[in-house]
Every structure is written in structure tokens, then in C-alpha cells.
Amino acid sequence: MRKKHPKIKKNDKVIVLVGREVGKIGTVLKVDTEKARVIVEKVNIIKRHSKASPKTGQGGIVEKEAPLNISNVMIVCDKCAEPTKIGKRLLEDGSRVRICKKCGEPMDK
């Protein structure tokens, strides 16, 4: 199966559209293209109980981010600060760049 190139990449700012975390904005930490999931910083926090071991040291309750479906988040433009769709544009030097559909500014640095 061919991997689809994601429109959302690591270090993008996204807003959550559905679920209990709706409206929260965070930075993407990891993108899993095979499962179509993203992990967003400080969003969708879950608690896991860990047993003490020599590797982890002390046991206890660990809070970590759980993955969200990529369709449940939308990228936020840095320039216009609004949730937006992503377009692609071919520059004069032949490189492709992602653009904001609302303001037309490039998203990639």
C-alpha cells in the first residue's frame, strides 16, 4: 500500500475540531501516515499506570499524549492565525511550498 503524503507535518500548529479536546491548539509532535494519526503536544492527555522496574525506576501514574485521527485536526496559519486548508504552489526555483488557502502566504519556512 502506498503512503499518502500528509498535509500536516511535525512542528505544525493545529487546532482540534472534534472530541473532548475541541478548540485546543497545540504543536504536532509526531505524524503516523500509515495509521493516519497525529500526536499533539498537551492535547488528549491519558494516564498510564507503570510498574517499577530497573529501566524506568520508580513506578506510578504517567501522563502522556494519545494519538488523534488526522482528520480531527486542522492546521492553523502562522500569519492569519486561523484554521485553514492547505494548498500547494510551485515557486520560480522549481520547489513546492504549502500555502494557506485563506491568506495565500507560504506555510513552510
N, C-alpha and C. Protein backbone atom coordinates (compact mmCIF):
# COMPACT_ATOMS: atom_id res chain seq x y z
N MET A 1 0.84 -1.18 0.00
CA MET A 1 0.00 0.00 0.00
C MET A 1 0.88 1.25 0.00
N ARG A 2 0.56 2.19 -0.85
CA ARG A 2 1.35 3.41 -0.97
C ARG A 2 0.99 4.39 0.13
N LYS A 3 2.01 5.01 0.72
CA LYS A 3 1.78 6.01 1.75
C LYS A 3 1.32 7.31 1.11
N LYS A 4 0.32 7.93 1.71
CA LYS A 4 -0.12 9.22 1.24
C LYS A 4 0.68 10.29 1.97
N HIS A 5 1.17 11.26 1.22
CA HIS A 5 1.97 12.33 1.82
C HIS A 5 1.05 13.21 2.67
N PRO A 6 1.35 13.37 3.96
CA PRO A 6 0.44 14.14 4.82
C PRO A 6 0.55 15.64 4.58
N LYS A 7 -0.58 16.32 4.72
CA LYS A 7 -0.58 17.78 4.62
C LYS A 7 -0.14 18.39 5.94
N ILE A 8 -0.29 17.64 7.03
CA ILE A 8 0.15 18.10 8.34
C ILE A 8 1.49 17.45 8.64
N LYS A 9 2.44 18.27 9.06
CA LYS A 9 3.79 17.79 9.33
C LYS A 9 4.17 18.09 10.77
N LYS A 10 5.29 17.53 11.19
CA LYS A 10 5.82 17.77 12.53
C LYS A 10 6.10 19.26 12.71
N ASN A 11 5.86 19.76 13.92
CA ASN A 11 6.05 21.16 14.33
C ASN A 11 5.02 22.12 13.74
N ASP A 12 3.96 21.62 13.08
CA ASP A 12 2.86 22.47 12.64
C ASP A 12 1.96 22.78 13.83
N LYS A 13 1.33 23.95 13.81
CA LYS A 13 0.37 24.30 14.83
C LYS A 13 -1.01 23.88 14.35
N VAL A 14 -1.73 23.09 15.15
CA VAL A 14 -3.05 22.58 14.75
C VAL A 14 -4.08 22.86 15.84
N ILE A 15 -5.35 22.86 15.42
CA ILE A 15 -6.48 23.00 16.34
C ILE A 15 -7.31 21.73 16.26
N VAL A 16 -7.82 21.29 17.40
CA VAL A 16 -8.64 20.08 17.45
C VAL A 16 -10.08 20.45 17.12
N LEU A 17 -10.71 19.70 16.19
CA LEU A 17 -12.05 20.02 15.70
C LEU A 17 -13.17 19.26 16.41
N VAL A 18 -12.90 18.03 16.85
CA VAL A 18 -13.95 17.21 17.47
C VAL A 18 -13.42 16.52 18.72
N GLY A 19 -14.34 16.03 19.54
CA GLY A 19 -13.97 15.28 20.73
C GLY A 19 -13.96 16.15 21.97
N ARG A 20 -13.48 15.60 23.06
CA ARG A 20 -13.50 16.32 24.34
C ARG A 20 -12.46 17.44 24.39
N GLU A 21 -11.49 17.41 23.49
CA GLU A 21 -10.42 18.42 23.46
C GLU A 21 -10.70 19.50 22.41
N VAL A 22 -11.94 19.66 21.97
CA VAL A 22 -12.28 20.56 20.88
C VAL A 22 -11.86 22.00 21.21
N GLY A 23 -11.23 22.66 20.22
CA GLY A 23 -10.81 24.04 20.38
C GLY A 23 -9.40 24.22 20.89
N LYS A 24 -8.76 23.17 21.36
CA LYS A 24 -7.40 23.30 21.89
C LYS A 24 -6.40 23.38 20.74
N ILE A 25 -5.39 24.21 20.93
CA ILE A 25 -4.35 24.40 19.92
C ILE A 25 -3.04 23.86 20.49
N GLY A 26 -2.31 23.12 19.65
CA GLY A 26 -1.02 22.58 20.07
C GLY A 26 -0.12 22.32 18.88
N THR A 27 1.11 21.93 19.18
CA THR A 27 2.11 21.65 18.16
C THR A 27 2.16 20.15 17.91
N VAL A 28 2.29 19.75 16.65
CA VAL A 28 2.36 18.33 16.29
C VAL A 28 3.73 17.79 16.68
N LEU A 29 3.73 16.72 17.48
CA LEU A 29 4.98 16.09 17.89
C LEU A 29 5.37 14.95 16.96
N LYS A 30 4.35 14.22 16.45
CA LYS A 30 4.63 13.05 15.63
C LYS A 30 3.46 12.81 14.68
N VAL A 31 3.77 12.37 13.45
CA VAL A 31 2.74 12.04 12.46
C VAL A 31 2.95 10.59 12.03
N ASP A 32 1.89 9.78 12.13
CA ASP A 32 1.93 8.39 11.67
C ASP A 32 1.06 8.29 10.42
N THR A 33 1.70 8.23 9.25
CA THR A 33 0.96 8.24 7.99
C THR A 33 0.25 6.92 7.74
N GLU A 34 0.79 5.82 8.22
CA GLU A 34 0.17 4.51 7.97
C GLU A 34 -1.17 4.38 8.69
N LYS A 35 -1.25 4.88 9.92
CA LYS A 35 -2.48 4.79 10.70
C LYS A 35 -3.29 6.08 10.64
N ALA A 36 -2.79 7.11 9.95
CA ALA A 36 -3.44 8.42 9.83
C ALA A 36 -3.70 9.02 11.20
N ARG A 37 -2.66 9.08 12.03
CA ARG A 37 -2.77 9.60 13.39
C ARG A 37 -1.71 10.68 13.62
N VAL A 38 -2.02 11.61 14.52
CA VAL A 38 -1.06 12.63 14.93
C VAL A 38 -1.04 12.71 16.45
N ILE A 39 0.12 13.03 17.00
CA ILE A 39 0.24 13.28 18.43
C ILE A 39 0.49 14.77 18.59
N VAL A 40 -0.39 15.44 19.36
CA VAL A 40 -0.33 16.88 19.54
C VAL A 40 0.09 17.17 20.98
N GLU A 41 1.00 18.13 21.13
CA GLU A 41 1.55 18.47 22.43
C GLU A 41 0.47 19.01 23.37
N LYS A 42 0.39 18.43 24.57
CA LYS A 42 -0.54 18.83 25.65
C LYS A 42 -2.01 18.73 25.26
N VAL A 43 -2.34 17.82 24.33
CA VAL A 43 -3.72 17.59 23.92
C VAL A 43 -3.98 16.08 23.99
N ASN A 44 -5.18 15.70 24.43
CA ASN A 44 -5.58 14.30 24.55
C ASN A 44 -4.67 13.54 25.52
N ILE A 45 -4.52 14.08 26.72
CA ILE A 45 -3.66 13.50 27.75
C ILE A 45 -4.36 12.29 28.37
N ILE A 46 -3.62 11.18 28.47
CA ILE A 46 -4.12 9.97 29.11
C ILE A 46 -3.18 9.60 30.26
N LYS A 47 -3.69 8.81 31.19
CA LYS A 47 -2.88 8.36 32.33
C LYS A 47 -2.62 6.87 32.18
N ARG A 48 -1.39 6.49 32.35
CA ARG A 48 -1.00 5.08 32.30
C ARG A 48 -0.29 4.73 33.60
N HIS A 49 -0.62 3.57 34.15
CA HIS A 49 -0.01 3.11 35.38
C HIS A 49 1.20 2.25 35.02
N SER A 50 2.36 2.62 35.55
CA SER A 50 3.58 1.87 35.24
C SER A 50 4.13 1.21 36.51
N LYS A 51 4.62 0.02 36.31
CA LYS A 51 5.21 -0.74 37.40
C LYS A 51 6.68 -0.35 37.52
N ALA A 52 7.20 -0.36 38.72
CA ALA A 52 8.60 -0.03 38.93
C ALA A 52 9.49 -1.11 38.32
N SER A 53 10.53 -0.68 37.62
CA SER A 53 11.50 -1.61 37.04
C SER A 53 12.86 -0.94 37.04
N PRO A 54 13.92 -1.72 36.84
CA PRO A 54 15.25 -1.10 36.82
C PRO A 54 15.41 -0.06 35.71
N LYS A 55 14.72 -0.26 34.60
CA LYS A 55 14.84 0.67 33.48
C LYS A 55 14.10 1.99 33.74
N THR A 56 12.87 1.90 34.27
CA THR A 56 12.08 3.10 34.49
C THR A 56 12.28 3.70 35.87
N GLY A 57 12.80 2.93 36.79
CA GLY A 57 12.99 3.44 38.16
C GLY A 57 11.71 3.31 38.94
N GLN A 58 11.23 4.44 39.46
CA GLN A 58 10.03 4.43 40.29
C GLN A 58 8.78 4.26 39.44
N GLY A 59 7.84 3.47 39.94
CA GLY A 59 6.57 3.29 39.25
C GLY A 59 5.62 4.42 39.60
N GLY A 60 4.44 4.35 39.02
CA GLY A 60 3.44 5.37 39.33
C GLY A 60 2.55 5.65 38.14
N ILE A 61 1.87 6.78 38.21
CA ILE A 61 0.95 7.17 37.14
C ILE A 61 1.69 8.13 36.21
N VAL A 62 1.73 7.77 34.92
CA VAL A 62 2.43 8.58 33.92
C VAL A 62 1.39 9.20 33.00
N GLU A 63 1.48 10.51 32.79
CA GLU A 63 0.58 11.18 31.85
C GLU A 63 1.32 11.39 30.54
N LYS A 64 0.64 11.03 29.43
CA LYS A 64 1.25 11.21 28.12
C LYS A 64 0.16 11.52 27.09
N GLU A 65 0.60 12.00 25.92
CA GLU A 65 -0.33 12.35 24.85
C GLU A 65 -0.73 11.10 24.08
N ALA A 66 -2.01 10.98 23.80
CA ALA A 66 -2.51 9.89 22.97
C ALA A 66 -2.73 10.41 21.56
N PRO A 67 -2.62 9.52 20.55
CA PRO A 67 -2.80 9.99 19.17
C PRO A 67 -4.25 10.34 18.84
N LEU A 68 -4.41 11.30 17.95
CA LEU A 68 -5.70 11.71 17.40
C LEU A 68 -5.73 11.35 15.93
N ASN A 69 -6.93 11.15 15.39
CA ASN A 69 -7.03 10.93 13.96
C ASN A 69 -6.69 12.22 13.23
N ILE A 70 -5.97 12.09 12.12
CA ILE A 70 -5.50 13.27 11.38
C ILE A 70 -6.65 14.09 10.82
N SER A 71 -7.83 13.46 10.64
CA SER A 71 -8.99 14.19 10.12
C SER A 71 -9.66 15.03 11.20
N ASN A 72 -9.29 14.82 12.46
CA ASN A 72 -9.91 15.56 13.56
C ASN A 72 -9.14 16.81 13.94
N VAL A 73 -8.06 17.11 13.22
CA VAL A 73 -7.30 18.33 13.48
C VAL A 73 -7.20 19.15 12.20
N MET A 74 -7.03 20.46 12.35
CA MET A 74 -6.88 21.35 11.20
C MET A 74 -5.71 22.28 11.48
N ILE A 75 -4.91 22.51 10.46
CA ILE A 75 -3.72 23.32 10.61
C ILE A 75 -4.10 24.79 10.81
N VAL A 76 -3.32 25.48 11.65
CA VAL A 76 -3.53 26.90 11.92
C VAL A 76 -2.41 27.68 11.25
N CYS A 77 -2.79 28.68 10.46
CA CYS A 77 -1.81 29.52 9.75
C CYS A 77 -1.09 30.43 10.74
N ASP A 78 0.23 30.59 10.56
CA ASP A 78 1.01 31.47 11.43
C ASP A 78 0.71 32.95 11.15
N LYS A 79 0.44 33.28 9.91
CA LYS A 79 0.24 34.69 9.52
C LYS A 79 -1.14 35.20 9.92
N CYS A 80 -2.21 34.49 9.49
CA CYS A 80 -3.56 34.98 9.76
C CYS A 80 -4.15 34.39 11.05
N ALA A 81 -3.47 33.44 11.69
CA ALA A 81 -3.87 32.84 12.97
C ALA A 81 -5.26 32.24 12.94
N GLU A 82 -5.65 31.64 11.80
CA GLU A 82 -6.95 31.00 11.67
C GLU A 82 -6.78 29.57 11.16
N PRO A 83 -7.71 28.66 11.52
CA PRO A 83 -7.67 27.32 10.93
C PRO A 83 -7.91 27.41 9.43
N THR A 84 -7.14 26.68 8.66
CA THR A 84 -7.22 26.81 7.22
C THR A 84 -6.91 25.50 6.52
N LYS A 85 -7.31 25.42 5.26
CA LYS A 85 -6.92 24.30 4.42
C LYS A 85 -5.56 24.61 3.81
N ILE A 86 -4.93 23.57 3.27
CA ILE A 86 -3.58 23.71 2.72
C ILE A 86 -3.63 23.55 1.21
N GLY A 87 -2.92 24.43 0.52
CA GLY A 87 -2.75 24.31 -0.92
C GLY A 87 -1.27 24.16 -1.23
N LYS A 88 -0.95 23.87 -2.46
CA LYS A 88 0.45 23.75 -2.89
C LYS A 88 0.71 24.75 -4.00
N ARG A 89 1.90 25.30 -4.01
CA ARG A 89 2.29 26.24 -5.06
C ARG A 89 3.71 25.91 -5.50
N LEU A 90 3.93 26.03 -6.80
CA LEU A 90 5.25 25.80 -7.37
C LEU A 90 5.96 27.15 -7.49
N LEU A 91 7.13 27.25 -6.87
CA LEU A 91 7.88 28.50 -6.90
C LEU A 91 8.72 28.60 -8.16
N GLU A 92 9.32 29.78 -8.38
CA GLU A 92 10.13 30.01 -9.58
C GLU A 92 11.34 29.09 -9.65
N ASP A 93 11.90 28.76 -8.48
CA ASP A 93 13.09 27.90 -8.47
C ASP A 93 12.75 26.42 -8.61
N GLY A 94 11.48 26.08 -8.77
CA GLY A 94 11.06 24.70 -9.00
C GLY A 94 10.66 23.94 -7.76
N SER A 95 10.74 24.56 -6.59
CA SER A 95 10.38 23.85 -5.36
C SER A 95 8.90 24.06 -5.05
N ARG A 96 8.30 23.08 -4.40
CA ARG A 96 6.90 23.17 -3.99
C ARG A 96 6.84 23.67 -2.56
N VAL A 97 5.81 24.48 -2.29
CA VAL A 97 5.63 25.01 -0.95
C VAL A 97 4.15 24.92 -0.59
N ARG A 98 3.86 24.65 0.70
CA ARG A 98 2.48 24.63 1.17
C ARG A 98 2.03 26.06 1.42
N ILE A 99 0.80 26.38 1.02
CA ILE A 99 0.29 27.73 1.23
C ILE A 99 -1.03 27.68 1.99
N CYS A 100 -1.33 28.78 2.67
CA CYS A 100 -2.60 28.95 3.37
C CYS A 100 -3.66 29.33 2.35
N LYS A 101 -4.80 28.64 2.35
CA LYS A 101 -5.87 28.92 1.39
C LYS A 101 -6.58 30.24 1.70
N LYS A 102 -6.50 30.72 2.95
CA LYS A 102 -7.21 31.95 3.33
C LYS A 102 -6.40 33.21 2.97
N CYS A 103 -5.10 33.22 3.33
CA CYS A 103 -4.31 34.43 3.11
C CYS A 103 -3.31 34.29 1.97
N GLY A 104 -3.04 33.07 1.52
CA GLY A 104 -2.14 32.85 0.39
C GLY A 104 -0.67 32.87 0.75
N GLU A 105 -0.35 33.01 2.04
CA GLU A 105 1.05 33.05 2.47
C GLU A 105 1.64 31.64 2.56
N PRO A 106 2.94 31.49 2.30
CA PRO A 106 3.58 30.16 2.42
C PRO A 106 3.60 29.70 3.87
N MET A 107 3.36 28.39 4.09
CA MET A 107 3.37 27.82 5.43
C MET A 107 4.75 27.32 5.82
N ASP A 108 5.54 26.88 4.83
CA ASP A 108 6.87 26.35 5.11
C ASP A 108 7.85 27.49 5.24
N LYS A 109 8.80 27.28 6.16
CA LYS A 109 9.80 28.34 6.38
C LYS A 109 10.90 28.26 5.36
